[in-house]
Amino acid sequence: MVKISGNVMSSDNQPLVGVTVIVEGTVLGTTTGLDGDYTLSVPAGSVVTFSLLGYETKKFSLLGYETKK
């Protein structure tokens, strides 16, 4: 498993609260907090989906990303 974390922000640099962050094809997921923060442990090479009602859903592949040591 690889730990990922970050902040989800709007186009006007405001934190987005309640964004669903889920590993595609699994039940692994979380939602963003009050500051748009999220942390999630995911299998290496996963596709992570970010979605929120009223916004375009975004998918990011972790294939090829290196883990920080």
N, C-alpha and C. Protein backbone atom coordinates (compact mmCIF):
# COMPACT_ATOMS: atom_id res chain seq x y z
N MET A 1 0.85 -1.19 0.00
CA MET A 1 0.00 0.00 0.00
C MET A 1 0.89 1.25 0.00
N VAL A 2 0.38 2.29 -0.62
CA VAL A 2 1.07 3.57 -0.72
C VAL A 2 0.17 4.62 -0.08
N LYS A 3 0.73 5.46 0.77
CA LYS A 3 -0.04 6.52 1.40
C LYS A 3 -0.02 7.75 0.50
N ILE A 4 -1.21 8.25 0.14
CA ILE A 4 -1.32 9.49 -0.63
C ILE A 4 -2.03 10.52 0.22
N SER A 5 -1.73 11.78 -0.01
CA SER A 5 -2.40 12.85 0.71
C SER A 5 -2.31 14.12 -0.11
N GLY A 6 -3.17 15.08 0.22
CA GLY A 6 -3.14 16.35 -0.49
C GLY A 6 -4.31 17.23 -0.11
N ASN A 7 -4.52 18.26 -0.89
CA ASN A 7 -5.61 19.20 -0.72
C ASN A 7 -6.35 19.34 -2.04
N VAL A 8 -7.66 19.39 -1.97
CA VAL A 8 -8.48 19.62 -3.16
C VAL A 8 -9.01 21.04 -3.08
N MET A 9 -8.68 21.83 -4.10
CA MET A 9 -9.05 23.25 -4.11
C MET A 9 -9.87 23.57 -5.35
N SER A 10 -10.72 24.59 -5.24
CA SER A 10 -11.51 25.06 -6.38
C SER A 10 -10.62 25.91 -7.28
N SER A 11 -11.17 26.28 -8.42
CA SER A 11 -10.41 27.12 -9.36
C SER A 11 -10.08 28.49 -8.79
N ASP A 12 -10.84 28.93 -7.78
CA ASP A 12 -10.53 30.21 -7.12
C ASP A 12 -9.80 30.00 -5.80
N ASN A 13 -9.11 28.85 -5.69
CA ASN A 13 -8.22 28.53 -4.58
C ASN A 13 -8.92 28.41 -3.23
N GLN A 14 -10.17 27.97 -3.23
CA GLN A 14 -10.90 27.70 -1.99
C GLN A 14 -10.93 26.20 -1.75
N PRO A 15 -10.80 25.75 -0.49
CA PRO A 15 -10.83 24.32 -0.21
C PRO A 15 -12.21 23.73 -0.53
N LEU A 16 -12.22 22.54 -1.12
CA LEU A 16 -13.48 21.84 -1.40
C LEU A 16 -13.70 20.78 -0.33
N VAL A 17 -14.78 20.95 0.42
CA VAL A 17 -15.14 20.06 1.52
C VAL A 17 -16.06 18.96 1.00
N GLY A 18 -15.83 17.72 1.42
CA GLY A 18 -16.73 16.63 1.07
C GLY A 18 -16.49 15.99 -0.28
N VAL A 19 -15.32 16.22 -0.88
CA VAL A 19 -14.98 15.56 -2.13
C VAL A 19 -14.76 14.07 -1.82
N THR A 20 -15.36 13.20 -2.61
CA THR A 20 -15.15 11.76 -2.46
C THR A 20 -13.87 11.38 -3.18
N VAL A 21 -12.97 10.74 -2.45
CA VAL A 21 -11.69 10.27 -3.01
C VAL A 21 -11.73 8.75 -2.88
N ILE A 22 -11.78 8.03 -4.00
CA ILE A 22 -11.96 6.59 -3.95
C ILE A 22 -11.02 5.89 -4.94
N VAL A 23 -10.56 4.71 -4.53
CA VAL A 23 -9.73 3.89 -5.41
C VAL A 23 -10.66 3.14 -6.33
N GLU A 24 -10.52 3.37 -7.63
CA GLU A 24 -11.41 2.78 -8.64
C GLU A 24 -11.43 1.25 -8.51
N GLY A 25 -12.63 0.69 -8.51
CA GLY A 25 -12.80 -0.76 -8.45
C GLY A 25 -12.70 -1.35 -7.05
N THR A 26 -12.66 -0.50 -6.02
CA THR A 26 -12.58 -0.97 -4.64
C THR A 26 -13.57 -0.21 -3.77
N VAL A 27 -13.57 -0.54 -2.49
CA VAL A 27 -14.36 0.21 -1.52
C VAL A 27 -13.46 1.11 -0.67
N LEU A 28 -12.18 1.21 -1.05
CA LEU A 28 -11.24 2.07 -0.34
C LEU A 28 -11.50 3.52 -0.71
N GLY A 29 -11.71 4.36 0.30
CA GLY A 29 -11.95 5.76 0.00
C GLY A 29 -12.04 6.61 1.24
N THR A 30 -12.19 7.90 1.01
CA THR A 30 -12.33 8.87 2.07
C THR A 30 -13.02 10.10 1.50
N THR A 31 -13.25 11.11 2.33
CA THR A 31 -13.75 12.40 1.86
C THR A 31 -12.83 13.49 2.38
N THR A 32 -12.81 14.62 1.68
CA THR A 32 -11.97 15.73 2.11
C THR A 32 -12.58 16.42 3.32
N GLY A 33 -11.69 16.95 4.16
CA GLY A 33 -12.09 17.65 5.37
C GLY A 33 -12.35 19.13 5.13
N LEU A 34 -12.43 19.88 6.21
CA LEU A 34 -12.76 21.31 6.15
C LEU A 34 -11.75 22.14 5.35
N ASP A 35 -10.50 21.69 5.31
CA ASP A 35 -9.47 22.40 4.56
C ASP A 35 -9.20 21.76 3.20
N GLY A 36 -10.08 20.85 2.77
CA GLY A 36 -9.90 20.16 1.50
C GLY A 36 -8.86 19.05 1.58
N ASP A 37 -8.42 18.72 2.81
CA ASP A 37 -7.36 17.72 3.02
C ASP A 37 -7.90 16.30 2.89
N TYR A 38 -7.03 15.41 2.43
CA TYR A 38 -7.34 13.98 2.42
C TYR A 38 -6.06 13.19 2.61
N THR A 39 -6.18 12.00 3.17
CA THR A 39 -5.09 11.03 3.29
C THR A 39 -5.71 9.66 3.07
N LEU A 40 -5.03 8.82 2.29
CA LEU A 40 -5.59 7.52 1.95
C LEU A 40 -4.46 6.56 1.61
N SER A 41 -4.54 5.32 2.10
CA SER A 41 -3.60 4.27 1.72
C SER A 41 -4.20 3.49 0.57
N VAL A 42 -3.45 3.38 -0.52
CA VAL A 42 -3.96 2.76 -1.74
C VAL A 42 -2.96 1.73 -2.26
N PRO A 43 -3.43 0.72 -3.00
CA PRO A 43 -2.49 -0.21 -3.63
C PRO A 43 -1.66 0.52 -4.69
N ALA A 44 -0.38 0.16 -4.80
CA ALA A 44 0.50 0.76 -5.81
C ALA A 44 -0.11 0.57 -7.20
N GLY A 45 -0.01 1.59 -8.04
CA GLY A 45 -0.52 1.52 -9.41
C GLY A 45 -2.02 1.74 -9.54
N SER A 46 -2.67 2.18 -8.49
CA SER A 46 -4.13 2.39 -8.49
C SER A 46 -4.55 3.59 -9.33
N VAL A 47 -5.84 3.63 -9.65
CA VAL A 47 -6.47 4.81 -10.23
C VAL A 47 -7.35 5.40 -9.14
N VAL A 48 -7.14 6.67 -8.83
CA VAL A 48 -7.89 7.35 -7.77
C VAL A 48 -8.84 8.35 -8.42
N THR A 49 -10.11 8.30 -7.99
CA THR A 49 -11.15 9.17 -8.54
C THR A 49 -11.56 10.20 -7.49
N PHE A 50 -11.66 11.46 -7.93
CA PHE A 50 -12.11 12.56 -7.09
C PHE A 50 -13.44 13.06 -7.65
N SER A 51 -14.48 13.09 -6.81
CA SER A 51 -15.78 13.54 -7.32
C SER A 51 -16.53 14.36 -6.27
N LEU A 52 -17.29 15.33 -6.75
CA LEU A 52 -18.14 16.18 -5.93
C LEU A 52 -19.27 16.68 -6.81
N LEU A 53 -20.48 16.62 -6.30
CA LEU A 53 -21.65 17.06 -7.03
C LEU A 53 -21.45 18.49 -7.54
N GLY A 54 -21.69 18.71 -8.82
CA GLY A 54 -21.56 20.03 -9.42
C GLY A 54 -20.18 20.29 -10.03
N TYR A 55 -19.25 19.33 -9.87
CA TYR A 55 -17.91 19.47 -10.40
C TYR A 55 -17.60 18.29 -11.32
N GLU A 56 -16.68 18.49 -12.24
CA GLU A 56 -16.24 17.42 -13.12
C GLU A 56 -15.44 16.39 -12.33
N THR A 57 -15.75 15.11 -12.50
CA THR A 57 -15.00 14.04 -11.86
C THR A 57 -13.62 13.93 -12.51
N LYS A 58 -12.59 13.77 -11.68
CA LYS A 58 -11.21 13.64 -12.16
C LYS A 58 -10.65 12.30 -11.72
N LYS A 59 -9.89 11.65 -12.61
CA LYS A 59 -9.22 10.39 -12.31
C LYS A 59 -7.72 10.57 -12.50
N PHE A 60 -6.97 9.99 -11.56
CA PHE A 60 -5.51 10.06 -11.63
C PHE A 60 -4.93 8.67 -11.43
N SER A 61 -4.04 8.28 -12.32
CA SER A 61 -3.36 7.00 -12.22
C SER A 61 -2.08 7.18 -11.41
N LEU A 62 -1.85 6.28 -10.47
CA LEU A 62 -0.63 6.32 -9.68
C LEU A 62 0.45 5.42 -10.27
N LEU A 63 0.18 4.84 -11.42
CA LEU A 63 1.15 3.99 -12.09
C LEU A 63 2.36 4.81 -12.50
N GLY A 64 3.52 4.38 -12.09
CA GLY A 64 4.74 5.09 -12.46
C GLY A 64 5.18 6.15 -11.47
N TYR A 65 4.35 6.47 -10.46
CA TYR A 65 4.76 7.42 -9.46
C TYR A 65 5.66 6.74 -8.44
N GLU A 66 6.69 7.45 -8.02
CA GLU A 66 7.60 6.91 -7.02
C GLU A 66 7.12 7.28 -5.64
N THR A 67 7.37 6.41 -4.68
CA THR A 67 7.02 6.71 -3.29
C THR A 67 8.14 7.52 -2.65
N LYS A 68 7.77 8.43 -1.74
CA LYS A 68 8.75 9.21 -1.01
C LYS A 68 9.33 8.34 0.09
N LYS A 69 10.61 8.50 0.33
CA LYS A 69 11.27 7.73 1.39
C LYS A 69 11.58 8.60 2.57
